[in-house]
Amino acid sequence: MHFTKMHGLGNDYLYVYGEVPEDIAELSVKLSERHFGAGSDGLIYISPSEIADFKMRIFNADGSEAKMCGNGIRCVGKYVYDKGYTDKKHLKIETLSGIKTLDLNVSKGKVKTVSVGMGKAEVSENLQLDIHGESIICTPVSVGNPHVVNFVENIERTPLMTLGPKLEHHSAFPDGVNVEFVGVVDEKTLRMRVWERGSGVTMACGTGACAATAAAIKHGYCSFDEEISVVLDGGTLKIRIAPDYAVTMTGPAEMIYEGETVL
């Protein structure tokens, strides 16, 4: 199997053009392992679509399937354009959370950044959760996949490795949840770290950045129709949210290397 390793702000996946094999869960676990595999946050398969330009399916490092990945879909846009599967700069991509639109920003024949119409964010009322005797206030947000946003005073000292998995598997979220920890720098800048459902700590999360911005607007930290910089461990994403909570995300997509499996 031929694959291309790509990343969006350090959120890295192995990309394959073709149909998803039956043993995809086992394959994703094996190839994603960072010491004995190729090393990634998971696998993304790209194939033709009957209702859009292309279809993407996302498999996490634990073998589970995700509905959407913001960093991953930007890399899909770069993959299909740079490899000659399309010459279109405006694309529709079929995902398990609906059809998303991409606008490719091309320089010298290669895609550098991608703007993604992510659909509308749905921000719920705050939840107060008990985590081993400690009360946590958090904001559930759906961006085609589930998130819970936690605003914190000192994000660099937040116990991401311990609190992240406890929230991911909390009984309030029977299907699991992506967990964002967010510090408000100013009205146009957020600092975010993430524990992704099925993958653990990742360098960046595109849908998480969208969810964090939507929650920040809901709570009055940021404003509609402003470009908000979300600073992640792997770099910065630009998020803009309209008054109806329609979200546009812009960020880079990079190829790392090509490989062949020996499995």
C-alpha atoms as a PDB file:
ATOM      1  CA  MET A   1       0.000   0.000   0.000  1.00  0.00           C
ATOM      2  CA  HIS A   2       1.350   3.389  -1.007  1.00  0.00           C
ATOM      3  CA  PHE A   3       0.769   6.243   1.420  1.00  0.00           C
ATOM      4  CA  THR A   4       1.669   9.905   1.784  1.00  0.00           C
ATOM      5  CA  LYS A   5       2.395  11.312   5.204  1.00  0.00           C
ATOM      6  CA  MET A   6       1.014  14.849   5.573  1.00  0.00           C
ATOM      7  CA  HIS A   7       0.342  17.263   8.391  1.00  0.00           C
ATOM      8  CA  GLY A   8      -1.674  20.340   9.219  1.00  0.00           C
ATOM      9  CA  LEU A   9       0.157  22.179  12.017  1.00  0.00           C
ATOM     10  CA  GLY A  10       1.694  18.916  13.227  1.00  0.00           C
ATOM     11  CA  ASN A  11      -1.619  16.993  13.209  1.00  0.00           C
ATOM     12  CA  ASP A  12      -0.259  14.196  11.016  1.00  0.00           C
ATOM     13  CA  TYR A  13      -2.012  11.425   9.114  1.00  0.00           C
ATOM     14  CA  LEU A  14      -1.135   8.823   6.507  1.00  0.00           C
ATOM     15  CA  TYR A  15      -3.136   9.506   3.320  1.00  0.00           C
ATOM     16  CA  VAL A  16      -4.158   6.791   0.867  1.00  0.00           C
ATOM     17  CA  TYR A  17      -6.101   7.143  -2.389  1.00  0.00           C
ATOM     18  CA  GLY A  18      -8.354   4.126  -2.758  1.00  0.00           C
ATOM     19  CA  GLU A  19     -11.055   2.055  -1.107  1.00  0.00           C
ATOM     20  CA  VAL A  20     -10.966   1.355   2.613  1.00  0.00           C
ATOM     21  CA  PRO A  21      -9.797  -2.210   3.384  1.00  0.00           C
ATOM     22  CA  GLU A  22     -11.746  -4.531   5.693  1.00  0.00           C
ATOM     23  CA  ASP A  23      -8.939  -4.637   8.263  1.00  0.00           C
ATOM     24  CA  ILE A  24      -8.758  -0.841   8.538  1.00  0.00           C
ATOM     25  CA  ALA A  25      -8.991  -0.737  12.367  1.00  0.00           C
ATOM     26  CA  GLU A  26      -6.035  -3.099  12.773  1.00  0.00           C
ATOM     27  CA  LEU A  27      -4.126  -1.343   9.992  1.00  0.00           C
ATOM     28  CA  SER A  28      -4.633   2.097  11.500  1.00  0.00           C
ATOM     29  CA  VAL A  29      -3.427   0.976  14.922  1.00  0.00           C
ATOM     30  CA  LYS A  30      -0.355  -0.736  13.470  1.00  0.00           C
ATOM     31  CA  LEU A  31       0.752   2.012  11.064  1.00  0.00           C
ATOM     32  CA  SER A  32      -0.001   4.885  13.448  1.00  0.00           C
ATOM     33  CA  GLU A  33       2.301   3.529  16.164  1.00  0.00           C
ATOM     34  CA  ARG A  34       5.209   5.950  16.438  1.00  0.00           C
ATOM     35  CA  HIS A  35       7.936   3.432  17.325  1.00  0.00           C
ATOM     36  CA  PHE A  36       6.952   0.336  15.348  1.00  0.00           C
ATOM     37  CA  GLY A  37       4.851   1.885  12.557  1.00  0.00           C
ATOM     38  CA  ALA A  38       5.060   4.904  10.278  1.00  0.00           C
ATOM     39  CA  GLY A  39       3.878   7.126  13.112  1.00  0.00           C
ATOM     40  CA  SER A  40       0.753   9.280  12.827  1.00  0.00           C
ATOM     41  CA  ASP A  41      -2.484  10.400  14.441  1.00  0.00           C
ATOM     42  CA  GLY A  42      -4.288   7.977  12.113  1.00  0.00           C
ATOM     43  CA  LEU A  43      -5.103   7.150   8.481  1.00  0.00           C
ATOM     44  CA  ILE A  44      -7.206   9.122   5.998  1.00  0.00           C
ATOM     45  CA  TYR A  45      -8.578   7.445   2.871  1.00  0.00           C
ATOM     46  CA  ILE A  46      -9.541   9.503  -0.196  1.00  0.00           C
ATOM     47  CA  SER A  47     -11.807   8.157  -2.935  1.00  0.00           C
ATOM     48  CA  PRO A  48     -14.226   9.356  -5.629  1.00  0.00           C
ATOM     49  CA  SER A  49     -17.655  10.485  -4.467  1.00  0.00           C
ATOM     50  CA  GLU A  50     -21.080  10.299  -6.090  1.00  0.00           C
ATOM     51  CA  ILE A  51     -22.255  13.487  -4.356  1.00  0.00           C
ATOM     52  CA  ALA A  52     -19.089  15.602  -4.160  1.00  0.00           C
ATOM     53  CA  ASP A  53     -15.673  15.912  -5.803  1.00  0.00           C
ATOM     54  CA  PHE A  54     -14.038  13.479  -3.383  1.00  0.00           C
ATOM     55  CA  LYS A  55     -14.831  11.514  -0.240  1.00  0.00           C
ATOM     56  CA  MET A  56     -12.659  11.248   2.875  1.00  0.00           C
ATOM     57  CA  ARG A  57     -12.793   8.745   5.713  1.00  0.00           C
ATOM     58  CA  ILE A  58     -10.760   9.243   8.876  1.00  0.00           C
ATOM     59  CA  PHE A  59      -9.439   6.499  11.148  1.00  0.00           C
ATOM     60  CA  ASN A  60      -7.831   7.372  14.469  1.00  0.00           C
ATOM     61  CA  ALA A  61      -4.694   5.871  15.936  1.00  0.00           C
ATOM     62  CA  ASP A  62      -6.844   3.566  18.085  1.00  0.00           C
ATOM     63  CA  GLY A  63      -8.687   2.209  15.029  1.00  0.00           C
ATOM     64  CA  SER A  64     -11.941   4.098  15.605  1.00  0.00           C
ATOM     65  CA  GLU A  65     -13.509   6.145  12.798  1.00  0.00           C
ATOM     66  CA  ALA A  66     -13.908   9.918  13.126  1.00  0.00           C
ATOM     67  CA  LYS A  67     -16.617  11.935  11.408  1.00  0.00           C
ATOM     68  CA  MET A  68     -14.495  14.969  10.589  1.00  0.00           C
ATOM     69  CA  CYS A  69     -10.963  16.363  10.859  1.00  0.00           C
ATOM     70  CA  GLY A  70     -10.283  20.018  10.084  1.00  0.00           C
ATOM     71  CA  ASN A  71      -6.526  19.655   9.642  1.00  0.00           C
ATOM     72  CA  GLY A  72      -7.039  16.436   7.705  1.00  0.00           C
ATOM     73  CA  ILE A  73      -9.470  17.886   5.191  1.00  0.00           C
ATOM     74  CA  ARG A  74      -7.052  20.709   4.327  1.00  0.00           C
ATOM     75  CA  CYS A  75      -4.438  18.064   3.532  1.00  0.00           C
ATOM     76  CA  VAL A  76      -6.975  16.232   1.375  1.00  0.00           C
ATOM     77  CA  GLY A  77      -7.330  19.404  -0.702  1.00  0.00           C
ATOM     78  CA  LYS A  78      -3.557  19.637  -1.144  1.00  0.00           C
ATOM     79  CA  TYR A  79      -3.265  15.910  -1.906  1.00  0.00           C
ATOM     80  CA  VAL A  80      -5.803  15.816  -4.743  1.00  0.00           C
ATOM     81  CA  TYR A  81      -4.583  19.069  -6.328  1.00  0.00           C
ATOM     82  CA  ASP A  82      -0.825  18.571  -6.024  1.00  0.00           C
ATOM     83  CA  LYS A  83      -1.054  14.957  -7.260  1.00  0.00           C
ATOM     84  CA  GLY A  84      -3.181  15.920 -10.269  1.00  0.00           C
ATOM     85  CA  TYR A  85      -6.479  14.274  -9.325  1.00  0.00           C
ATOM     86  CA  THR A  86      -8.148  17.648  -9.948  1.00  0.00           C
ATOM     87  CA  ASP A  87      -7.319  21.093 -11.309  1.00  0.00           C
ATOM     88  CA  LYS A  88     -10.201  22.733  -9.429  1.00  0.00           C
ATOM     89  CA  LYS A  89      -9.419  25.241  -6.688  1.00  0.00           C
ATOM     90  CA  HIS A  90     -12.918  25.089  -5.207  1.00  0.00           C
ATOM     91  CA  LEU A  91     -13.823  21.605  -4.017  1.00  0.00           C
ATOM     92  CA  LYS A  92     -16.616  19.784  -2.246  1.00  0.00           C
ATOM     93  CA  ILE A  93     -15.536  16.943   0.022  1.00  0.00           C
ATOM     94  CA  GLU A  94     -17.913  14.281   1.335  1.00  0.00           C
ATOM     95  CA  THR A  95     -17.399  13.431   5.020  1.00  0.00           C
ATOM     96  CA  LEU A  96     -19.398  11.567   7.639  1.00  0.00           C
ATOM     97  CA  SER A  97     -20.462  14.968   9.002  1.00  0.00           C
ATOM     98  CA  GLY A  98     -21.686  16.231   5.637  1.00  0.00           C
ATOM     99  CA  ILE A  99     -20.219  17.916   2.573  1.00  0.00           C
ATOM    100  CA  LYS A 100     -17.529  20.525   3.282  1.00  0.00           C
ATOM    101  CA  THR A 101     -16.274  23.146   0.829  1.00  0.00           C
ATOM    102  CA  LEU A 102     -12.595  23.915   0.233  1.00  0.00           C
ATOM    103  CA  ASP A 103     -10.931  26.930  -1.375  1.00  0.00           C
ATOM    104  CA  LEU A 104      -7.326  26.147  -2.306  1.00  0.00           C
ATOM    105  CA  ASN A 105      -4.727  28.905  -2.142  1.00  0.00           C
ATOM    106  CA  VAL A 106      -2.117  27.929  -4.748  1.00  0.00           C
ATOM    107  CA  SER A 107       1.388  29.317  -5.283  1.00  0.00           C
ATOM    108  CA  LYS A 108       3.776  28.061  -7.998  1.00  0.00           C
ATOM    109  CA  GLY A 109       1.492  25.143  -8.764  1.00  0.00           C
ATOM    110  CA  LYS A 110       1.276  23.851  -5.187  1.00  0.00           C
ATOM    111  CA  VAL A 111      -1.365  24.313  -2.508  1.00  0.00           C
ATOM    112  CA  LYS A 112      -0.024  26.365   0.418  1.00  0.00           C
ATOM    113  CA  THR A 113      -3.112  27.054   2.520  1.00  0.00           C
ATOM    114  CA  VAL A 114      -6.732  25.949   2.419  1.00  0.00           C
ATOM    115  CA  SER A 115      -9.909  27.690   3.575  1.00  0.00           C
ATOM    116  CA  VAL A 116     -12.652  25.311   4.669  1.00  0.00           C
ATOM    117  CA  GLY A 117     -16.363  26.003   5.073  1.00  0.00           C
ATOM    118  CA  MET A 118     -16.959  23.896   8.165  1.00  0.00           C
ATOM    119  CA  GLY A 119     -20.732  24.326   8.418  1.00  0.00           C
ATOM    120  CA  LYS A 120     -22.445  25.702  11.518  1.00  0.00           C
ATOM    121  CA  ALA A 121     -21.166  25.232  15.045  1.00  0.00           C
ATOM    122  CA  GLU A 122     -23.744  24.251  17.666  1.00  0.00           C
ATOM    123  CA  VAL A 123     -22.853  25.611  21.104  1.00  0.00           C
ATOM    124  CA  SER A 124     -24.716  24.113  24.074  1.00  0.00           C
ATOM    125  CA  GLU A 125     -25.166  25.460  27.586  1.00  0.00           C
ATOM    126  CA  ASN A 126     -22.356  24.934  30.073  1.00  0.00           C
ATOM    127  CA  LEU A 127     -22.030  21.628  31.881  1.00  0.00           C
ATOM    128  CA  GLN A 128     -20.756  21.219  35.429  1.00  0.00           C
ATOM    129  CA  LEU A 129     -19.011  17.867  35.681  1.00  0.00           C
ATOM    130  CA  ASP A 130     -17.546  16.045  38.651  1.00  0.00           C
ATOM    131  CA  ILE A 131     -14.069  14.668  37.939  1.00  0.00           C
ATOM    132  CA  HIS A 132     -12.970  12.638  40.976  1.00  0.00           C
ATOM    133  CA  GLY A 133     -14.348  15.223  43.397  1.00  0.00           C
ATOM    134  CA  GLU A 134     -13.276  18.253  41.379  1.00  0.00           C
ATOM    135  CA  SER A 135     -15.935  20.420  39.715  1.00  0.00           C
ATOM    136  CA  ILE A 136     -15.225  21.279  36.066  1.00  0.00           C
ATOM    137  CA  ILE A 137     -17.253  23.838  34.077  1.00  0.00           C
ATOM    138  CA  CYS A 138     -17.124  23.177  30.325  1.00  0.00           C
ATOM    139  CA  THR A 139     -18.984  24.036  27.105  1.00  0.00           C
ATOM    140  CA  PRO A 140     -20.133  21.296  24.705  1.00  0.00           C
ATOM    141  CA  VAL A 141     -19.856  22.234  21.013  1.00  0.00           C
ATOM    142  CA  SER A 142     -20.643  20.251  17.865  1.00  0.00           C
ATOM    143  CA  VAL A 143     -18.791  21.022  14.630  1.00  0.00           C
ATOM    144  CA  GLY A 144     -19.924  17.840  12.892  1.00  0.00           C
ATOM    145  CA  ASN A 145     -18.079  15.976  15.632  1.00  0.00           C
ATOM    146  CA  PRO A 146     -18.327  16.384  19.434  1.00  0.00           C
ATOM    147  CA  HIS A 147     -16.150  18.736  21.478  1.00  0.00           C
ATOM    148  CA  VAL A 148     -16.078  20.044  25.006  1.00  0.00           C
ATOM    149  CA  VAL A 149     -14.305  23.379  25.582  1.00  0.00           C
ATOM    150  CA  ASN A 150     -12.671  24.307  28.883  1.00  0.00           C
ATOM    151  CA  PHE A 151     -11.561  27.912  29.485  1.00  0.00           C
ATOM    152  CA  VAL A 152      -8.564  28.001  31.828  1.00  0.00           C
ATOM    153  CA  GLU A 153      -6.432  30.650  33.514  1.00  0.00           C
ATOM    154  CA  ASN A 154      -3.034  29.079  32.823  1.00  0.00           C
ATOM    155  CA  ILE A 155      -3.164  26.759  29.829  1.00  0.00           C
ATOM    156  CA  GLU A 156       0.511  25.785  30.004  1.00  0.00           C
ATOM    157  CA  ARG A 157      -0.057  24.290  33.475  1.00  0.00           C
ATOM    158  CA  THR A 158      -3.331  22.557  32.649  1.00  0.00           C
ATOM    159  CA  PRO A 159      -3.026  18.783  33.344  1.00  0.00           C
ATOM    160  CA  LEU A 160      -3.771  17.852  29.744  1.00  0.00           C
ATOM    161  CA  MET A 161      -2.508  14.279  30.033  1.00  0.00           C
ATOM    162  CA  THR A 162      -4.686  13.435  33.043  1.00  0.00           C
ATOM    163  CA  LEU A 163      -7.771  15.628  32.673  1.00  0.00           C
ATOM    164  CA  GLY A 164      -8.061  15.050  28.902  1.00  0.00           C
ATOM    165  CA  PRO A 165      -8.771  11.296  29.026  1.00  0.00           C
ATOM    166  CA  LYS A 166     -11.067  11.684  32.052  1.00  0.00           C
ATOM    167  CA  LEU A 167     -13.249  14.124  30.123  1.00  0.00           C
ATOM    168  CA  GLU A 168     -13.051  12.077  26.893  1.00  0.00           C
ATOM    169  CA  HIS A 169     -14.529   9.067  28.675  1.00  0.00           C
ATOM    170  CA  HIS A 170     -16.863  10.893  31.089  1.00  0.00           C
ATOM    171  CA  SER A 171     -20.355   9.427  31.359  1.00  0.00           C
ATOM    172  CA  ALA A 172     -21.788  12.738  30.072  1.00  0.00           C
ATOM    173  CA  PHE A 173     -20.294  11.798  26.689  1.00  0.00           C
ATOM    174  CA  PRO A 174     -21.249   8.162  26.021  1.00  0.00           C
ATOM    175  CA  ASP A 175     -19.604   8.188  22.568  1.00  0.00           C
ATOM    176  CA  GLY A 176     -16.486   9.995  23.796  1.00  0.00           C
ATOM    177  CA  VAL A 177     -15.563  13.604  23.092  1.00  0.00           C
ATOM    178  CA  ASN A 178     -12.684  15.775  21.861  1.00  0.00           C
ATOM    179  CA  VAL A 179     -11.381  17.960  24.688  1.00  0.00           C
ATOM    180  CA  GLU A 180     -10.080  21.524  24.248  1.00  0.00           C
ATOM    181  CA  PHE A 181      -8.338  23.630  26.894  1.00  0.00           C
ATOM    182  CA  VAL A 182      -8.410  27.310  25.960  1.00  0.00           C
ATOM    183  CA  GLY A 183      -6.785  30.455  27.296  1.00  0.00           C
ATOM    184  CA  VAL A 184      -8.062  33.857  26.146  1.00  0.00           C
ATOM    185  CA  VAL A 185      -5.063  36.008  25.155  1.00  0.00           C
ATOM    186  CA  ASP A 186      -7.148  38.902  23.812  1.00  0.00           C
ATOM    187  CA  GLU A 187     -10.351  39.449  21.820  1.00  0.00           C
ATOM    188  CA  LYS A 188      -8.708  38.207  18.617  1.00  0.00           C
ATOM    189  CA  THR A 189      -6.336  35.538  19.976  1.00  0.00           C
ATOM    190  CA  LEU A 190      -6.917  32.220  21.723  1.00  0.00           C
ATOM    191  CA  ARG A 191      -4.306  29.726  22.951  1.00  0.00           C
ATOM    192  CA  MET A 192      -5.492  26.129  22.749  1.00  0.00           C
ATOM    193  CA  ARG A 193      -4.271  22.649  23.601  1.00  0.00           C
ATOM    194  CA  VAL A 194      -6.190  19.504  22.725  1.00  0.00           C
ATOM    195  CA  TRP A 195      -6.835  15.924  23.745  1.00  0.00           C
ATOM    196  CA  GLU A 196      -8.384  14.253  20.693  1.00  0.00           C
ATOM    197  CA  ARG A 197     -10.885  11.437  20.997  1.00  0.00           C
ATOM    198  CA  GLY A 198      -9.169   8.253  19.895  1.00  0.00           C
ATOM    199  CA  SER A 199      -5.714   9.816  19.431  1.00  0.00           C
ATOM    200  CA  GLY A 200      -4.767  11.580  22.685  1.00  0.00           C
ATOM    201  CA  VAL A 201      -2.620  14.718  22.681  1.00  0.00           C
ATOM    202  CA  THR A 202      -2.125  16.130  19.177  1.00  0.00           C
ATOM    203  CA  MET A 203      -0.232  19.159  17.937  1.00  0.00           C
ATOM    204  CA  ALA A 204      -3.376  20.726  16.499  1.00  0.00           C
ATOM    205  CA  CYS A 205      -7.085  20.113  15.940  1.00  0.00           C
ATOM    206  CA  GLY A 206      -8.926  22.060  13.254  1.00  0.00           C
ATOM    207  CA  THR A 207     -12.453  21.230  14.376  1.00  0.00           C
ATOM    208  CA  GLY A 208     -11.337  21.893  17.948  1.00  0.00           C
ATOM    209  CA  ALA A 209     -10.129  25.365  17.013  1.00  0.00           C
ATOM    210  CA  CYS A 210     -13.532  26.024  15.417  1.00  0.00           C
ATOM    211  CA  ALA A 211     -15.320  24.748  18.527  1.00  0.00           C
ATOM    212  CA  ALA A 212     -13.130  26.829  20.835  1.00  0.00           C
ATOM    213  CA  THR A 213     -13.776  30.000  18.832  1.00  0.00           C
ATOM    214  CA  ALA A 214     -17.526  29.378  18.761  1.00  0.00           C
ATOM    215  CA  ALA A 215     -17.555  28.883  22.545  1.00  0.00           C
ATOM    216  CA  ALA A 216     -15.436  32.019  23.040  1.00  0.00           C
ATOM    217  CA  ILE A 217     -17.938  34.062  21.027  1.00  0.00           C
ATOM    218  CA  LYS A 218     -20.854  32.523  22.946  1.00  0.00           C
ATOM    219  CA  HIS A 219     -19.261  33.646  26.228  1.00  0.00           C
ATOM    220  CA  GLY A 220     -18.338  37.125  24.988  1.00  0.00           C
ATOM    221  CA  TYR A 221     -14.564  36.695  24.743  1.00  0.00           C
ATOM    222  CA  CYS A 222     -14.504  37.152  20.941  1.00  0.00           C
ATOM    223  CA  SER A 223     -16.807  38.613  18.271  1.00  0.00           C
ATOM    224  CA  PHE A 224     -18.620  37.444  15.147  1.00  0.00           C
ATOM    225  CA  ASP A 225     -17.154  38.273  11.713  1.00  0.00           C
ATOM    226  CA  GLU A 226     -13.648  38.807  13.112  1.00  0.00           C
ATOM    227  CA  GLU A 227     -10.620  36.715  12.146  1.00  0.00           C
ATOM    228  CA  ILE A 228      -9.584  34.955  15.343  1.00  0.00           C
ATOM    229  CA  SER A 229      -6.101  33.475  15.667  1.00  0.00           C
ATOM    230  CA  VAL A 230      -6.099  30.143  17.494  1.00  0.00           C
ATOM    231  CA  VAL A 231      -2.557  29.339  18.601  1.00  0.00           C
ATOM    232  CA  LEU A 232      -1.954  25.596  18.918  1.00  0.00           C
ATOM    233  CA  ASP A 233       1.159  23.589  19.782  1.00  0.00           C
ATOM    234  CA  GLY A 234       1.808  23.088  16.045  1.00  0.00           C
ATOM    235  CA  GLY A 235       1.050  26.615  14.808  1.00  0.00           C
ATOM    236  CA  THR A 236      -1.832  29.014  14.232  1.00  0.00           C
ATOM    237  CA  LEU A 237      -5.220  28.613  12.544  1.00  0.00           C
ATOM    238  CA  LYS A 238      -7.424  31.516  11.452  1.00  0.00           C
ATOM    239  CA  ILE A 239     -11.105  31.100  12.326  1.00  0.00           C
ATOM    240  CA  ARG A 240     -13.985  33.366  11.296  1.00  0.00           C
ATOM    241  CA  ILE A 241     -17.557  32.798  12.491  1.00  0.00           C
ATOM    242  CA  ALA A 242     -20.634  34.464  11.043  1.00  0.00           C
ATOM    243  CA  PRO A 243     -23.603  35.561  13.198  1.00  0.00           C
ATOM    244  CA  ASP A 244     -25.416  32.312  12.308  1.00  0.00           C
ATOM    245  CA  TYR A 245     -22.371  30.392  13.604  1.00  0.00           C
ATOM    246  CA  ALA A 246     -21.230  29.320  10.122  1.00  0.00           C
ATOM    247  CA  VAL A 247     -17.489  28.660  10.462  1.00  0.00           C
ATOM    248  CA  THR A 248     -14.594  29.258   8.048  1.00  0.00           C
ATOM    249  CA  MET A 249     -11.172  27.856   8.930  1.00  0.00           C
ATOM    250  CA  THR A 250      -7.937  28.755   7.130  1.00  0.00           C
ATOM    251  CA  GLY A 251      -4.580  27.082   7.642  1.00  0.00           C
ATOM    252  CA  PRO A 252      -1.606  25.342   6.000  1.00  0.00           C
ATOM    253  CA  ALA A 253      -1.228  21.804   4.663  1.00  0.00           C
ATOM    254  CA  GLU A 254       2.148  20.125   4.185  1.00  0.00           C
ATOM    255  CA  MET A 255       3.489  16.895   2.701  1.00  0.00           C
ATOM    256  CA  ILE A 256       6.183  15.109   4.726  1.00  0.00           C
ATOM    257  CA  TYR A 257       7.108  11.978   2.744  1.00  0.00           C
ATOM    258  CA  GLU A 258       5.855   9.136   0.552  1.00  0.00           C
ATOM    259  CA  GLY A 259       6.046   5.526   1.724  1.00  0.00           C
ATOM    260  CA  GLU A 260       5.180   1.891   0.993  1.00  0.00           C
ATOM    261  CA  THR A 261       3.953  -0.535   3.627  1.00  0.00           C
ATOM    262  CA  VAL A 262       5.776  -3.816   4.164  1.00  0.00           C
ATOM    263  CA  LEU A 263       2.935  -5.373   6.173  1.00  0.00           C
END
